[in-house]
């Protein structure tokens, strides 16, 4: 499995943070705030794969682009960047040694924390 940074999603997340389209929630909130499979399917039906991809900081290059398995490290709820999603992605990317993704989510985390500092 080869997972790399989804640069378009990273830029999308930074843009949303600049527009204050964020949820400054707590670390452990992601299990409640992450999109469900039904919410993902609904978003896909309405917006397609290109828009769906913007909400995932990692892409698995071994998987077909038109499968959910291609997209890793979600950071938001299809409306806002969630601080808890960024923290979750940061932790998981570091554990799995995805250095480019880790670096990106550290930057997002700093931007979010700077927003409400």
PDB file of N, CA and C in Angstrom:
ATOM      1  N   UNK A   1       0.856  -1.187   0.000  1.00  0.00           N
ATOM      2  CA  UNK A   1       0.000   0.000   0.000  1.00  0.00           C
ATOM      3  C   UNK A   1       0.894   1.240   0.000  1.00  0.00           C
ATOM      4  N   UNK A   2       0.655   2.112  -0.956  1.00  0.00           N
ATOM      5  CA  UNK A   2       1.385   3.365  -1.040  1.00  0.00           C
ATOM      6  C   UNK A   2       0.405   4.504  -0.796  1.00  0.00           C
ATOM      7  N   UNK A   3       0.594   5.206   0.297  1.00  0.00           N
ATOM      8  CA  UNK A   3      -0.278   6.325   0.638  1.00  0.00           C
ATOM      9  C   UNK A   3       0.550   7.604   0.598  1.00  0.00           C
ATOM     10  N   UNK A   4       0.038   8.582  -0.128  1.00  0.00           N
ATOM     11  CA  UNK A   4       0.738   9.857  -0.237  1.00  0.00           C
ATOM     12  C   UNK A   4      -0.223  11.010   0.044  1.00  0.00           C
ATOM     13  N   UNK A   5       0.350  12.166   0.249  1.00  0.00           N
ATOM     14  CA  UNK A   5      -0.438  13.369   0.534  1.00  0.00           C
ATOM     15  C   UNK A   5      -1.295  13.745  -0.665  1.00  0.00           C
ATOM     16  N   UNK A   6      -2.555  14.022  -0.391  1.00  0.00           N
ATOM     17  CA  UNK A   6      -3.474  14.555  -1.380  1.00  0.00           C
ATOM     18  C   UNK A   6      -3.337  16.082  -1.310  1.00  0.00           C
ATOM     19  N   UNK A   7      -2.518  16.628  -2.194  1.00  0.00           N
ATOM     20  CA  UNK A   7      -2.191  18.054  -2.133  1.00  0.00           C
ATOM     21  C   UNK A   7      -3.411  18.948  -2.335  1.00  0.00           C
ATOM     22  N   UNK A   8      -4.349  18.517  -3.169  1.00  0.00           N
ATOM     23  CA  UNK A   8      -5.571  19.310  -3.375  1.00  0.00           C
ATOM     24  C   UNK A   8      -6.398  19.367  -2.095  1.00  0.00           C
ATOM     25  N   UNK A   9      -6.473  18.262  -1.379  1.00  0.00           N
ATOM     26  CA  UNK A   9      -7.225  18.240  -0.121  1.00  0.00           C
ATOM     27  C   UNK A   9      -6.538  19.118   0.917  1.00  0.00           C
ATOM     28  N   UNK A  10      -5.216  19.093   0.935  1.00  0.00           N
ATOM     29  CA  UNK A  10      -4.458  19.932   1.866  1.00  0.00           C
ATOM     30  C   UNK A  10      -4.739  21.409   1.597  1.00  0.00           C
ATOM     31  N   UNK A  11      -4.727  21.806   0.325  1.00  0.00           N
ATOM     32  CA  UNK A  11      -5.029  23.199  -0.024  1.00  0.00           C
ATOM     33  C   UNK A  11      -6.476  23.549   0.315  1.00  0.00           C
ATOM     34  N   UNK A  12      -7.379  22.615   0.088  1.00  0.00           N
ATOM     35  CA  UNK A  12      -8.792  22.827   0.416  1.00  0.00           C
ATOM     36  C   UNK A  12      -8.957  23.050   1.917  1.00  0.00           C
ATOM     37  N   UNK A  13      -8.297  22.242   2.718  1.00  0.00           N
ATOM     38  CA  UNK A  13      -8.389  22.384   4.174  1.00  0.00           C
ATOM     39  C   UNK A  13      -7.840  23.739   4.622  1.00  0.00           C
ATOM     40  N   UNK A  14      -6.704  24.138   4.070  1.00  0.00           N
ATOM     41  CA  UNK A  14      -6.144  25.445   4.440  1.00  0.00           C
ATOM     42  C   UNK A  14      -7.091  26.575   4.057  1.00  0.00           C
ATOM     43  N   UNK A  15      -7.714  26.457   2.891  1.00  0.00           N
ATOM     44  CA  UNK A  15      -8.665  27.468   2.441  1.00  0.00           C
ATOM     45  C   UNK A  15      -9.868  27.554   3.386  1.00  0.00           C
ATOM     46  N   UNK A  16     -10.380  26.411   3.796  1.00  0.00           N
ATOM     47  CA  UNK A  16     -11.510  26.399   4.726  1.00  0.00           C
ATOM     48  C   UNK A  16     -11.131  27.015   6.072  1.00  0.00           C
ATOM     49  N   UNK A  17      -9.935  26.732   6.532  1.00  0.00           N
ATOM     50  CA  UNK A  17      -9.474  27.311   7.808  1.00  0.00           C
ATOM     51  C   UNK A  17      -9.370  28.823   7.673  1.00  0.00           C
ATOM     52  N   UNK A  18      -8.835  29.303   6.562  1.00  0.00           N
ATOM     53  CA  UNK A  18      -8.732  30.752   6.344  1.00  0.00           C
ATOM     54  C   UNK A  18     -10.101  31.419   6.334  1.00  0.00           C
ATOM     55  N   UNK A  19     -11.117  30.677   5.905  1.00  0.00           N
ATOM     56  CA  UNK A  19     -12.486  31.207   5.868  1.00  0.00           C
ATOM     57  C   UNK A  19     -13.243  30.940   7.171  1.00  0.00           C
ATOM     58  N   UNK A  20     -12.543  30.392   8.159  1.00  0.00           N
ATOM     59  CA  UNK A  20     -13.136  30.042   9.463  1.00  0.00           C
ATOM     60  C   UNK A  20     -14.263  29.026   9.342  1.00  0.00           C
ATOM     61  N   UNK A  21     -14.193  28.176   8.345  1.00  0.00           N
ATOM     62  CA  UNK A  21     -15.156  27.083   8.209  1.00  0.00           C
ATOM     63  C   UNK A  21     -14.587  25.886   8.974  1.00  0.00           C
ATOM     64  N   UNK A  22     -14.657  26.025  10.305  1.00  0.00           N
ATOM     65  CA  UNK A  22     -14.011  25.054  11.184  1.00  0.00           C
ATOM     66  C   UNK A  22     -14.912  24.691  12.358  1.00  0.00           C
ATOM     67  N   UNK A  23     -14.593  23.566  12.950  1.00  0.00           N
ATOM     68  CA  UNK A  23     -15.178  23.165  14.228  1.00  0.00           C
ATOM     69  C   UNK A  23     -14.000  22.937  15.162  1.00  0.00           C
ATOM     70  N   UNK A  24     -13.872  23.795  16.142  1.00  0.00           N
ATOM     71  CA  UNK A  24     -12.737  23.726  17.059  1.00  0.00           C
ATOM     72  C   UNK A  24     -13.079  22.821  18.230  1.00  0.00           C
ATOM     73  N   UNK A  25     -13.285  21.580  17.909  1.00  0.00           N
ATOM     74  CA  UNK A  25     -13.720  20.590  18.885  1.00  0.00           C
ATOM     75  C   UNK A  25     -12.515  19.934  19.564  1.00  0.00           C
ATOM     76  N   UNK A  26     -12.808  19.015  20.451  1.00  0.00           N
ATOM     77  CA  UNK A  26     -11.769  18.375  21.259  1.00  0.00           C
ATOM     78  C   UNK A  26     -11.261  17.102  20.599  1.00  0.00           C
ATOM     79  N   UNK A  27     -10.080  16.698  20.975  1.00  0.00           N
ATOM     80  CA  UNK A  27      -9.381  15.548  20.419  1.00  0.00           C
ATOM     81  C   UNK A  27     -10.269  14.309  20.296  1.00  0.00           C
ATOM     82  N   UNK A  28     -11.002  13.970  21.321  1.00  0.00           N
ATOM     83  CA  UNK A  28     -11.755  12.717  21.350  1.00  0.00           C
ATOM     84  C   UNK A  28     -13.122  12.795  20.668  1.00  0.00           C
ATOM     85  N   UNK A  29     -13.465  13.915  20.069  1.00  0.00           N
ATOM     86  CA  UNK A  29     -14.775  14.085  19.449  1.00  0.00           C
ATOM     87  C   UNK A  29     -14.896  13.461  18.055  1.00  0.00           C
ATOM     88  N   UNK A  30     -13.789  13.059  17.453  1.00  0.00           N
ATOM     89  CA  UNK A  30     -13.822  12.614  16.064  1.00  0.00           C
ATOM     90  C   UNK A  30     -14.715  11.397  15.851  1.00  0.00           C
ATOM     91  N   UNK A  31     -14.761  10.495  16.814  1.00  0.00           N
ATOM     92  CA  UNK A  31     -15.605   9.308  16.626  1.00  0.00           C
ATOM     93  C   UNK A  31     -17.074   9.692  16.467  1.00  0.00           C
ATOM     94  N   UNK A  32     -17.472  10.805  17.044  1.00  0.00           N
ATOM     95  CA  UNK A  32     -18.846  11.286  16.912  1.00  0.00           C
ATOM     96  C   UNK A  32     -19.032  12.225  15.719  1.00  0.00           C
ATOM     97  N   UNK A  33     -17.981  12.922  15.319  1.00  0.00           N
ATOM     98  CA  UNK A  33     -18.089  13.950  14.288  1.00  0.00           C
ATOM     99  C   UNK A  33     -17.705  13.473  12.895  1.00  0.00           C
ATOM    100  N   UNK A  34     -16.984  12.366  12.792  1.00  0.00           N
ATOM    101  CA  UNK A  34     -16.566  11.848  11.483  1.00  0.00           C
ATOM    102  C   UNK A  34     -17.797  11.453  10.672  1.00  0.00           C
ATOM    103  N   UNK A  35     -17.752  11.673   9.367  1.00  0.00           N
ATOM    104  CA  UNK A  35     -18.887  11.270   8.530  1.00  0.00           C
ATOM    105  C   UNK A  35     -19.112   9.758   8.598  1.00  0.00           C
ATOM    106  N   UNK A  36     -20.368   9.372   8.632  1.00  0.00           N
ATOM    107  CA  UNK A  36     -20.719   7.955   8.610  1.00  0.00           C
ATOM    108  C   UNK A  36     -20.634   7.454   7.166  1.00  0.00           C
ATOM    109  N   UNK A  37     -20.695   6.154   6.994  1.00  0.00           N
ATOM    110  CA  UNK A  37     -20.686   5.583   5.648  1.00  0.00           C
ATOM    111  C   UNK A  37     -21.877   6.103   4.835  1.00  0.00           C
ATOM    112  N   UNK A  38     -23.027   6.233   5.472  1.00  0.00           N
ATOM    113  CA  UNK A  38     -24.205   6.761   4.769  1.00  0.00           C
ATOM    114  C   UNK A  38     -23.996   8.220   4.351  1.00  0.00           C
ATOM    115  N   UNK A  39     -23.384   9.016   5.224  1.00  0.00           N
ATOM    116  CA  UNK A  39     -23.106  10.412   4.886  1.00  0.00           C
ATOM    117  C   UNK A  39     -22.092  10.502   3.742  1.00  0.00           C
ATOM    118  N   UNK A  40     -21.095   9.630   3.769  1.00  0.00           N
ATOM    119  CA  UNK A  40     -20.128   9.594   2.665  1.00  0.00           C
ATOM    120  C   UNK A  40     -20.827   9.246   1.351  1.00  0.00           C
ATOM    121  N   UNK A  41     -21.674   8.230   1.384  1.00  0.00           N
ATOM    122  CA  UNK A  41     -22.388   7.816   0.175  1.00  0.00           C
ATOM    123  C   UNK A  41     -23.288   8.923  -0.355  1.00  0.00           C
ATOM    124  N   UNK A  42     -23.979   9.598   0.538  1.00  0.00           N
ATOM    125  CA  UNK A  42     -24.855  10.693   0.143  1.00  0.00           C
ATOM    126  C   UNK A  42     -24.045  11.824  -0.494  1.00  0.00           C
ATOM    127  N   UNK A  43     -22.915  12.156   0.116  1.00  0.00           N
ATOM    128  CA  UNK A  43     -22.064  13.209  -0.433  1.00  0.00           C
ATOM    129  C   UNK A  43     -21.557  12.817  -1.818  1.00  0.00           C
ATOM    130  N   UNK A  44     -21.128  11.575  -1.942  1.00  0.00           N
ATOM    131  CA  UNK A  44     -20.656  11.081  -3.244  1.00  0.00           C
ATOM    132  C   UNK A  44     -21.749  11.175  -4.300  1.00  0.00           C
ATOM    133  N   UNK A  45     -22.955  10.770  -3.960  1.00  0.00           N
ATOM    134  CA  UNK A  45     -24.069  10.816  -4.911  1.00  0.00           C
ATOM    135  C   UNK A  45     -24.342  12.239  -5.386  1.00  0.00           C
ATOM    136  N   UNK A  46     -24.229  13.214  -4.485  1.00  0.00           N
ATOM    137  CA  UNK A  46     -24.549  14.601  -4.819  1.00  0.00           C
ATOM    138  C   UNK A  46     -23.392  15.343  -5.475  1.00  0.00           C
ATOM    139  N   UNK A  47     -22.144  15.007  -5.089  1.00  0.00           N
ATOM    140  CA  UNK A  47     -20.998  15.829  -5.481  1.00  0.00           C
ATOM    141  C   UNK A  47     -19.957  15.121  -6.344  1.00  0.00           C
ATOM    142  N   UNK A  48     -19.922  13.801  -6.330  1.00  0.00           N
ATOM    143  CA  UNK A  48     -18.959  13.066  -7.150  1.00  0.00           C
ATOM    144  C   UNK A  48     -17.606  12.879  -6.485  1.00  0.00           C
ATOM    145  N   UNK A  49     -16.780  12.115  -7.182  1.00  0.00           N
ATOM    146  CA  UNK A  49     -15.485  11.713  -6.623  1.00  0.00           C
ATOM    147  C   UNK A  49     -14.510  12.872  -6.453  1.00  0.00           C
ATOM    148  N   UNK A  50     -14.501  13.842  -7.364  1.00  0.00           N
ATOM    149  CA  UNK A  50     -13.544  14.947  -7.262  1.00  0.00           C
ATOM    150  C   UNK A  50     -13.765  15.764  -5.995  1.00  0.00           C
ATOM    151  N   UNK A  51     -15.013  16.089  -5.688  1.00  0.00           N
ATOM    152  CA  UNK A  51     -15.296  16.842  -4.466  1.00  0.00           C
ATOM    153  C   UNK A  51     -15.064  15.983  -3.229  1.00  0.00           C
ATOM    154  N   UNK A  52     -15.441  14.723  -3.308  1.00  0.00           N
ATOM    155  CA  UNK A  52     -15.225  13.794  -2.188  1.00  0.00           C
ATOM    156  C   UNK A  52     -13.741  13.735  -1.832  1.00  0.00           C
ATOM    157  N   UNK A  53     -12.886  13.681  -2.842  1.00  0.00           N
ATOM    158  CA  UNK A  53     -11.443  13.562  -2.640  1.00  0.00           C
ATOM    159  C   UNK A  53     -10.866  14.728  -1.840  1.00  0.00           C
ATOM    160  N   UNK A  54     -11.482  15.892  -1.941  1.00  0.00           N
ATOM    161  CA  UNK A  54     -10.959  17.079  -1.257  1.00  0.00           C
ATOM    162  C   UNK A  54     -11.049  16.980   0.263  1.00  0.00           C
ATOM    163  N   UNK A  55     -11.753  15.993   0.770  1.00  0.00           N
ATOM    164  CA  UNK A  55     -11.946  15.852   2.213  1.00  0.00           C
ATOM    165  C   UNK A  55     -11.053  14.773   2.825  1.00  0.00           C
ATOM    166  N   UNK A  56     -10.095  14.289   2.052  1.00  0.00           N
ATOM    167  CA  UNK A  56      -9.204  13.214   2.516  1.00  0.00           C
ATOM    168  C   UNK A  56      -7.760  13.587   2.221  1.00  0.00           C
ATOM    169  N   UNK A  57      -6.948  13.672   3.257  1.00  0.00           N
ATOM    170  CA  UNK A  57      -5.577  14.136   3.114  1.00  0.00           C
ATOM    171  C   UNK A  57      -4.624  13.093   2.542  1.00  0.00           C
ATOM    172  N   UNK A  58      -5.039  11.846   2.503  1.00  0.00           N
ATOM    173  CA  UNK A  58      -4.194  10.802   1.945  1.00  0.00           C
ATOM    174  C   UNK A  58      -4.894  10.072   0.822  1.00  0.00           C
ATOM    175  N   UNK A  59      -4.086   9.614  -0.138  1.00  0.00           N
ATOM    176  CA  UNK A  59      -4.616   8.775  -1.198  1.00  0.00           C
ATOM    177  C   UNK A  59      -3.738   7.529  -1.307  1.00  0.00           C
ATOM    178  N   UNK A  60      -4.404   6.399  -1.433  1.00  0.00           N
ATOM    179  CA  UNK A  60      -3.738   5.114  -1.596  1.00  0.00           C
ATOM    180  C   UNK A  60      -3.623   4.860  -3.094  1.00  0.00           C
ATOM    181  N   UNK A  61      -2.421   4.992  -3.608  1.00  0.00           N
ATOM    182  CA  UNK A  61      -2.215   4.891  -5.051  1.00  0.00           C
ATOM    183  C   UNK A  61      -2.396   3.470  -5.581  1.00  0.00           C
ATOM    184  N   UNK A  62      -2.484   2.493  -4.689  1.00  0.00           N
ATOM    185  CA  UNK A  62      -2.711   1.106  -5.116  1.00  0.00           C
ATOM    186  C   UNK A  62      -4.195   0.801  -5.324  1.00  0.00           C
ATOM    187  N   UNK A  63      -5.061   1.703  -4.898  1.00  0.00           N
ATOM    188  CA  UNK A  63      -6.512   1.500  -5.000  1.00  0.00           C
ATOM    189  C   UNK A  63      -7.076   2.363  -6.129  1.00  0.00           C
ATOM    190  N   UNK A  64      -8.142   1.905  -6.739  1.00  0.00           N
ATOM    191  CA  UNK A  64      -8.823   2.639  -7.799  1.00  0.00           C
ATOM    192  C   UNK A  64      -9.360   3.960  -7.262  1.00  0.00           C
ATOM    193  N   UNK A  65      -9.235   5.020  -8.059  1.00  0.00           N
ATOM    194  CA  UNK A  65      -9.676   6.358  -7.640  1.00  0.00           C
ATOM    195  C   UNK A  65     -11.163   6.441  -7.350  1.00  0.00           C
ATOM    196  N   UNK A  66     -11.937   5.570  -7.914  1.00  0.00           N
ATOM    197  CA  UNK A  66     -13.383   5.622  -7.707  1.00  0.00           C
ATOM    198  C   UNK A  66     -13.827   4.569  -6.702  1.00  0.00           C
ATOM    199  N   UNK A  67     -13.031   4.432  -5.640  1.00  0.00           N
ATOM    200  CA  UNK A  67     -13.389   3.593  -4.495  1.00  0.00           C
ATOM    201  C   UNK A  67     -13.079   4.362  -3.223  1.00  0.00           C
ATOM    202  N   UNK A  68     -13.850   4.136  -2.213  1.00  0.00           N
ATOM    203  CA  UNK A  68     -13.589   4.813  -0.941  1.00  0.00           C
ATOM    204  C   UNK A  68     -12.233   4.410  -0.362  1.00  0.00           C
ATOM    205  N   UNK A  69     -11.778   3.200  -0.658  1.00  0.00           N
ATOM    206  CA  UNK A  69     -10.501   2.727  -0.151  1.00  0.00           C
ATOM    207  C   UNK A  69      -9.309   3.522  -0.661  1.00  0.00           C
ATOM    208  N   UNK A  70      -9.500   4.278  -1.717  1.00  0.00           N
ATOM    209  CA  UNK A  70      -8.438   5.122  -2.276  1.00  0.00           C
ATOM    210  C   UNK A  70      -8.156   6.325  -1.370  1.00  0.00           C
ATOM    211  N   UNK A  71      -9.132   6.713  -0.572  1.00  0.00           N
ATOM    212  CA  UNK A  71      -9.056   7.943   0.220  1.00  0.00           C
ATOM    213  C   UNK A  71      -8.858   7.651   1.696  1.00  0.00           C
ATOM    214  N   UNK A  72      -7.842   8.288   2.277  1.00  0.00           N
ATOM    215  CA  UNK A  72      -7.456   8.067   3.678  1.00  0.00           C
ATOM    216  C   UNK A  72      -7.370   9.404   4.404  1.00  0.00           C
ATOM    217  N   UNK A  73      -7.425   9.352   5.686  1.00  0.00           N
ATOM    218  CA  UNK A  73      -7.225  10.509   6.557  1.00  0.00           C
ATOM    219  C   UNK A  73      -8.236  11.643   6.338  1.00  0.00           C
ATOM    220  N   UNK A  74      -9.500  11.368   6.637  1.00  0.00           N
ATOM    221  CA  UNK A  74     -10.512  12.430   6.561  1.00  0.00           C
ATOM    222  C   UNK A  74     -10.243  13.478   7.643  1.00  0.00           C
ATOM    223  N   UNK A  75     -10.626  14.703   7.358  1.00  0.00           N
ATOM    224  CA  UNK A  75     -10.376  15.787   8.311  1.00  0.00           C
ATOM    225  C   UNK A  75     -11.611  16.638   8.583  1.00  0.00           C
ATOM    226  N   UNK A  76     -12.719  16.337   7.957  1.00  0.00           N
ATOM    227  CA  UNK A  76     -13.891  17.178   8.147  1.00  0.00           C
ATOM    228  C   UNK A  76     -15.179  16.438   7.860  1.00  0.00           C
ATOM    229  N   UNK A  77     -16.274  17.187   7.925  1.00  0.00           N
ATOM    230  CA  UNK A  77     -17.617  16.621   7.798  1.00  0.00           C
ATOM    231  C   UNK A  77     -18.291  17.007   6.482  1.00  0.00           C
ATOM    232  N   UNK A  78     -17.496  17.351   5.472  1.00  0.00           N
ATOM    233  CA  UNK A  78     -17.956  17.792   4.153  1.00  0.00           C
ATOM    234  C   UNK A  78     -18.501  19.220   4.182  1.00  0.00           C
ATOM    235  N   UNK A  79     -18.369  19.878   5.314  1.00  0.00           N
ATOM    236  CA  UNK A  79     -18.730  21.297   5.427  1.00  0.00           C
ATOM    237  C   UNK A  79     -17.612  22.102   6.092  1.00  0.00           C
ATOM    238  N   UNK A  80     -17.031  21.507   7.132  1.00  0.00           N
ATOM    239  CA  UNK A  80     -16.037  22.215   7.946  1.00  0.00           C
ATOM    240  C   UNK A  80     -14.841  21.312   8.249  1.00  0.00           C
ATOM    241  N   UNK A  81     -13.712  21.958   8.513  1.00  0.00           N
ATOM    242  CA  UNK A  81     -12.542  21.259   9.025  1.00  0.00           C
ATOM    243  C   UNK A  81     -12.767  21.053  10.517  1.00  0.00           C
ATOM    244  N   UNK A  82     -12.636  19.832  10.966  1.00  0.00           N
ATOM    245  CA  UNK A  82     -12.783  19.538  12.394  1.00  0.00           C
ATOM    246  C   UNK A  82     -11.408  19.388  13.026  1.00  0.00           C
ATOM    247  N   UNK A  83     -11.174  20.139  14.076  1.00  0.00           N
ATOM    248  CA  UNK A  83      -9.909  20.036  14.796  1.00  0.00           C
ATOM    249  C   UNK A  83      -9.662  18.597  15.234  1.00  0.00           C
ATOM    250  N   UNK A  84     -10.689  17.915  15.705  1.00  0.00           N
ATOM    251  CA  UNK A  84     -10.536  16.534  16.160  1.00  0.00           C
ATOM    252  C   UNK A  84     -10.169  15.612  14.996  1.00  0.00           C
ATOM    253  N   UNK A  85     -10.650  15.886  13.795  1.00  0.00           N
ATOM    254  CA  UNK A  85     -10.293  15.096  12.626  1.00  0.00           C
ATOM    255  C   UNK A  85      -8.839  15.303  12.232  1.00  0.00           C
ATOM    256  N   UNK A  86      -8.384  16.542  12.338  1.00  0.00           N
ATOM    257  CA  UNK A  86      -6.987  16.856  12.045  1.00  0.00           C
ATOM    258  C   UNK A  86      -6.075  16.164  13.057  1.00  0.00           C
ATOM    259  N   UNK A  87      -6.443  16.216  14.327  1.00  0.00           N
ATOM    260  CA  UNK A  87      -5.633  15.569  15.363  1.00  0.00           C
ATOM    261  C   UNK A  87      -5.603  14.058  15.151  1.00  0.00           C
ATOM    262  N   UNK A  88      -6.730  13.485  14.810  1.00  0.00           N
ATOM    263  CA  UNK A  88      -6.788  12.050  14.541  1.00  0.00           C
ATOM    264  C   UNK A  88      -5.892  11.690  13.359  1.00  0.00           C
ATOM    265  N   UNK A  89      -5.969  12.465  12.288  1.00  0.00           N
ATOM    266  CA  UNK A  89      -5.126  12.220  11.115  1.00  0.00           C
ATOM    267  C   UNK A  89      -3.651  12.383  11.457  1.00  0.00           C
ATOM    268  N   UNK A  90      -3.349  13.369  12.267  1.00  0.00           N
ATOM    269  CA  UNK A  90      -1.966  13.622  12.679  1.00  0.00           C
ATOM    270  C   UNK A  90      -1.396  12.415  13.417  1.00  0.00           C
ATOM    271  N   UNK A  91      -2.154  11.897  14.343  1.00  0.00           N
ATOM    272  CA  UNK A  91      -1.714  10.752  15.132  1.00  0.00           C
ATOM    273  C   UNK A  91      -1.532   9.508  14.261  1.00  0.00           C
ATOM    274  N   UNK A  92      -2.525   9.213  13.433  1.00  0.00           N
ATOM    275  CA  UNK A  92      -2.471   8.006  12.600  1.00  0.00           C
ATOM    276  C   UNK A  92      -1.375   8.093  11.545  1.00  0.00           C
ATOM    277  N   UNK A  93      -1.192   9.254  10.939  1.00  0.00           N
ATOM    278  CA  UNK A  93      -0.145   9.414   9.924  1.00  0.00           C
ATOM    279  C   UNK A  93       1.245   9.231  10.542  1.00  0.00           C
ATOM    280  N   UNK A  94       1.441   9.771  11.734  1.00  0.00           N
ATOM    281  CA  UNK A  94       2.734   9.615  12.413  1.00  0.00           C
ATOM    282  C   UNK A  94       2.978   8.148  12.777  1.00  0.00           C
ATOM    283  N   UNK A  95       1.960   7.468  13.272  1.00  0.00           N
ATOM    284  CA  UNK A  95       2.097   6.057  13.629  1.00  0.00           C
ATOM    285  C   UNK A  95       2.475   5.209  12.424  1.00  0.00           C
ATOM    286  N   UNK A  96       1.984   5.578  11.247  1.00  0.00           N
ATOM    287  CA  UNK A  96       2.204   4.784  10.043  1.00  0.00           C
ATOM    288  C   UNK A  96       3.364   5.313   9.189  1.00  0.00           C
ATOM    289  N   UNK A  97       4.087   6.291   9.733  1.00  0.00           N
ATOM    290  CA  UNK A  97       5.267   6.861   9.066  1.00  0.00           C
ATOM    291  C   UNK A  97       4.972   7.467   7.696  1.00  0.00           C
ATOM    292  N   UNK A  98       3.831   8.122   7.566  1.00  0.00           N
ATOM    293  CA  UNK A  98       3.513   8.868   6.356  1.00  0.00           C
ATOM    294  C   UNK A  98       3.960  10.311   6.587  1.00  0.00           C
ATOM    295  N   UNK A  99       5.245  10.542   6.357  1.00  0.00           N
ATOM    296  CA  UNK A  99       5.855  11.817   6.743  1.00  0.00           C
ATOM    297  C   UNK A  99       5.243  13.024   6.047  1.00  0.00           C
ATOM    298  N   UNK A 100       4.901  12.905   4.757  1.00  0.00           N
ATOM    299  CA  UNK A 100       4.334  14.056   4.056  1.00  0.00           C
ATOM    300  C   UNK A 100       2.951  14.407   4.594  1.00  0.00           C
ATOM    301  N   UNK A 101       2.182  13.396   4.952  1.00  0.00           N
ATOM    302  CA  UNK A 101       0.853  13.640   5.522  1.00  0.00           C
ATOM    303  C   UNK A 101       0.994  14.186   6.935  1.00  0.00           C
ATOM    304  N   UNK A 102       1.901  13.623   7.706  1.00  0.00           N
ATOM    305  CA  UNK A 102       2.135  14.113   9.069  1.00  0.00           C
ATOM    306  C   UNK A 102       2.509  15.583   9.050  1.00  0.00           C
ATOM    307  N   UNK A 103       3.422  15.956   8.180  1.00  0.00           N
ATOM    308  CA  UNK A 103       3.851  17.358   8.085  1.00  0.00           C
ATOM    309  C   UNK A 103       2.665  18.268   7.743  1.00  0.00           C
ATOM    310  N   UNK A 104       1.839  17.826   6.813  1.00  0.00           N
ATOM    311  CA  UNK A 104       0.680  18.635   6.405  1.00  0.00           C
ATOM    312  C   UNK A 104      -0.314  18.798   7.546  1.00  0.00           C
ATOM    313  N   UNK A 105      -0.622  17.721   8.260  1.00  0.00           N
ATOM    314  CA  UNK A 105      -1.629  17.838   9.319  1.00  0.00           C
ATOM    315  C   UNK A 105      -1.084  18.602  10.524  1.00  0.00           C
ATOM    316  N   UNK A 106       0.220  18.539  10.753  1.00  0.00           N
ATOM    317  CA  UNK A 106       0.816  19.377  11.801  1.00  0.00           C
ATOM    318  C   UNK A 106       0.597  20.854  11.451  1.00  0.00           C
ATOM    319  N   UNK A 107       0.785  21.187  10.181  1.00  0.00           N
ATOM    320  CA  UNK A 107       0.550  22.571   9.743  1.00  0.00           C
ATOM    321  C   UNK A 107      -0.912  22.963   9.928  1.00  0.00           C
ATOM    322  N   UNK A 108      -1.833  22.079   9.535  1.00  0.00           N
ATOM    323  CA  UNK A 108      -3.253  22.368   9.715  1.00  0.00           C
ATOM    324  C   UNK A 108      -3.595  22.545  11.188  1.00  0.00           C
ATOM    325  N   UNK A 109      -3.043  21.684  12.030  1.00  0.00           N
ATOM    326  CA  UNK A 109      -3.295  21.763  13.471  1.00  0.00           C
ATOM    327  C   UNK A 109      -2.831  23.120  14.008  1.00  0.00           C
ATOM    328  N   UNK A 110      -1.665  23.551  13.599  1.00  0.00           N
ATOM    329  CA  UNK A 110      -1.146  24.856  14.035  1.00  0.00           C
ATOM    330  C   UNK A 110      -2.049  25.988  13.554  1.00  0.00           C
ATOM    331  N   UNK A 111      -2.515  25.890  12.308  1.00  0.00           N
ATOM    332  CA  UNK A 111      -3.416  26.925  11.791  1.00  0.00           C
ATOM    333  C   UNK A 111      -4.703  26.969  12.601  1.00  0.00           C
ATOM    334  N   UNK A 112      -5.255  25.809  12.919  1.00  0.00           N
ATOM    335  CA  UNK A 112      -6.485  25.758  13.711  1.00  0.00           C
ATOM    336  C   UNK A 112      -6.268  26.309  15.107  1.00  0.00           C
ATOM    337  N   UNK A 113      -5.198  25.919  15.740  1.00  0.00           N
ATOM    338  CA  UNK A 113      -4.938  26.397  17.108  1.00  0.00           C
ATOM    339  C   UNK A 113      -4.620  27.890  17.119  1.00  0.00           C
ATOM    340  N   UNK A 114      -3.997  28.382  16.061  1.00  0.00           N
ATOM    341  CA  UNK A 114      -3.742  29.819  15.947  1.00  0.00           C
ATOM    342  C   UNK A 114      -5.020  30.605  15.768  1.00  0.00           C
ATOM    343  N   UNK A 115      -6.019  29.967  15.145  1.00  0.00           N
ATOM    344  CA  UNK A 115      -7.300  30.618  14.879  1.00  0.00           C
ATOM    345  C   UNK A 115      -8.032  30.952  16.174  1.00  0.00           C
ATOM    346  N   UNK A 116      -7.905  30.095  17.184  1.00  0.00           N
ATOM    347  CA  UNK A 116      -8.651  30.363  18.413  1.00  0.00           C
ATOM    348  C   UNK A 116      -7.740  30.663  19.594  1.00  0.00           C
ATOM    349  N   UNK A 117      -6.482  30.989  19.304  1.00  0.00           N
ATOM    350  CA  UNK A 117      -5.532  31.323  20.385  1.00  0.00           C
ATOM    351  C   UNK A 117      -5.807  32.710  20.934  1.00  0.00           C
TER     352      UNK A 117
END
